[in-house]
Structures are given as structure tokens and as C-alpha cells.
Amino acid sequence: MDIDLEQYSKEDLRKLKADVERALKTIDARRKAEAKRAAEHAAKEYGFSLDDLIVEGGGKASKGIPRYKNPEDPSQTWTGRGRKPNWVISALDDGKTLDDLKI
């Protein structure tokens, strides 16, 4: 794309520069919106909403199977992966072992 910049005034070039900078800042957001519209249209052709497909298709990865539970609050569990929750650290400090916390 060739543009003859010589024909523009200094003020026109400054405005063009500002417009280009604004377009560069928003290009990813505009392209994502375009892609989302296209995906919604494709899903609609098959009788689904995009949300239907994303939830069924997996979305976020599973956290894994809990292997340990807090004896004081059984609703608190841990898979054994990642950072230890504070309740695990407290239990270990109190002399318990991970085997004591197994589900």
C-alpha cells in the first residue's frame, strides 16, 4: 500500500498518525470481536449457542481429583498438586502427615 505523504499538511499527518496509533491499540479487540461473531454464527447454523459449545467442549481444564481433605472442614480439599493450601500447612505444622489427610 503506497500513500503519497508529501501531499498532506503537517496537521493532516499528525491526525493520520493519531488515527493509526488508535487503530493499532484496538486491532486485537476488533479481531477478537469479529472471530466471536463468526463463531456464534457457525454455532447458530447447527442450532447451538456459542456458550453451549464452550461449556460442553471443556472450557477450563479440570482441577483434578481431590486426594486430601481438611479434617476440621471436609468441604476443603486438595489434589496434591500445586501450592499447599494453608490448612494443609497448618496440619503438617501440628504434626499430622499427608497420609492423615487422605480422603
Protein backbone atom coordinates (compact mmCIF):
# COMPACT_ATOMS: atom_id res chain seq x y z
CA MET A 1 0.00 0.00 0.00
CA ASP A 2 1.64 3.20 -1.15
CA ILE A 3 0.48 6.52 0.26
CA ASP A 4 1.92 9.76 -1.03
CA LEU A 5 2.53 11.52 2.27
CA GLU A 6 4.01 14.56 0.53
CA GLN A 7 0.52 15.80 -0.36
CA TYR A 8 -0.54 16.10 3.30
CA SER A 9 -0.01 19.09 5.58
CA LYS A 10 1.78 18.77 8.88
CA GLU A 11 -1.55 18.89 10.74
CA ASP A 12 -3.06 16.21 8.45
CA LEU A 13 -0.05 13.95 9.08
CA ARG A 14 -0.38 14.40 12.86
CA LYS A 15 -4.06 13.47 12.66
CA LEU A 16 -3.24 10.46 10.48
CA LYS A 17 -0.56 9.39 12.97
CA ALA A 18 -3.05 9.65 15.88
CA ASP A 19 -5.63 7.65 13.91
CA VAL A 20 -3.07 4.94 13.11
CA GLU A 21 -1.95 4.70 16.75
CA ARG A 22 -5.58 4.41 17.89
CA ALA A 23 -6.26 1.69 15.29
CA LEU A 24 -3.16 -0.26 16.36
CA LYS A 25 -4.26 -0.19 20.01
CA THR A 26 -7.71 -1.60 19.22
CA ILE A 27 -6.92 -4.04 16.40
CA ASP A 28 -6.76 -7.16 18.63
CA ALA A 29 -10.06 -6.31 20.33
CA ARG A 30 -11.72 -5.74 16.95
CA ARG A 31 -10.37 -9.00 15.52
CA LYS A 32 -11.47 -10.97 18.60
CA ALA A 33 -14.96 -9.48 18.29
CA GLU A 34 -15.02 -10.47 14.59
CA ALA A 35 -13.89 -14.01 15.42
CA LYS A 36 -16.52 -14.31 18.16
CA ARG A 37 -19.28 -13.17 15.78
CA ALA A 38 -18.14 -15.72 13.20
CA ALA A 39 -18.07 -18.50 15.81
CA GLU A 40 -21.53 -17.53 17.08
CA HIS A 41 -22.85 -17.59 13.53
CA ALA A 42 -21.32 -21.04 12.88
CA ALA A 43 -22.76 -22.43 16.14
CA LYS A 44 -26.18 -20.99 15.31
CA GLU A 45 -26.17 -22.81 11.95
CA TYR A 46 -26.08 -26.08 13.90
CA GLY A 47 -28.73 -24.98 16.40
CA PHE A 48 -26.42 -24.15 19.31
CA SER A 49 -25.24 -21.06 21.09
CA LEU A 50 -21.53 -20.46 21.48
CA ASP A 51 -21.92 -20.84 25.27
CA ASP A 52 -23.45 -24.32 24.75
CA LEU A 53 -20.36 -25.41 22.85
CA ILE A 54 -17.80 -23.86 25.15
CA VAL A 55 -19.24 -25.42 28.32
CA GLU A 56 -19.56 -28.86 26.71
CA GLY A 57 -16.28 -28.56 24.85
CA GLY A 58 -14.30 -28.36 28.03
CA GLY A 59 -13.66 -24.70 28.65
CA LYS A 60 -11.35 -24.59 31.63
CA ALA A 61 -9.29 -27.68 32.39
CA SER A 62 -10.35 -29.88 35.27
CA LYS A 63 -8.62 -29.22 38.57
CA GLY A 64 -8.11 -32.92 39.20
CA ILE A 65 -9.39 -35.38 41.74
CA PRO A 66 -9.15 -34.31 45.38
CA ARG A 67 -6.86 -36.62 47.36
CA TYR A 68 -6.76 -34.81 50.70
CA LYS A 69 -9.39 -33.13 52.88
CA ASN A 70 -9.30 -30.82 55.85
CA PRO A 71 -10.37 -32.88 58.89
CA GLU A 72 -11.83 -29.75 60.50
CA ASP A 73 -13.74 -28.70 57.34
CA PRO A 74 -14.31 -31.60 54.90
CA SER A 75 -15.53 -29.17 52.22
CA GLN A 76 -11.89 -28.03 51.82
CA THR A 77 -9.96 -30.42 49.59
CA TRP A 78 -6.63 -30.52 47.76
CA THR A 79 -5.48 -32.58 44.77
CA GLY A 80 -1.90 -32.80 45.97
CA ARG A 81 -0.71 -30.67 43.07
CA GLY A 82 0.32 -27.06 43.18
CA ARG A 83 0.82 -24.91 46.25
CA LYS A 84 -0.29 -26.44 49.53
CA PRO A 85 -3.38 -24.77 51.00
CA ASN A 86 -2.96 -23.08 54.37
CA TRP A 87 -4.99 -25.79 56.12
CA VAL A 88 -2.51 -28.43 54.86
CA ILE A 89 0.44 -26.39 56.06
CA SER A 90 -1.21 -25.92 59.48
CA ALA A 91 -1.96 -29.63 59.79
CA LEU A 92 1.63 -30.55 58.92
CA ASP A 93 2.91 -27.99 61.45
CA ASP A 94 0.67 -29.65 64.06
CA GLY A 95 2.42 -32.97 63.48
CA LYS A 96 -0.01 -34.60 61.05
CA THR A 97 1.20 -36.31 57.87
CA LEU A 98 -0.28 -36.19 54.40
CA ASP A 99 -1.44 -39.77 54.99
CA ASP A 100 -3.56 -38.45 57.88
CA LEU A 101 -5.31 -36.07 55.47
CA LYS A 102 -6.00 -38.60 52.69
CA ILE A 103 -9.60 -38.99 51.61
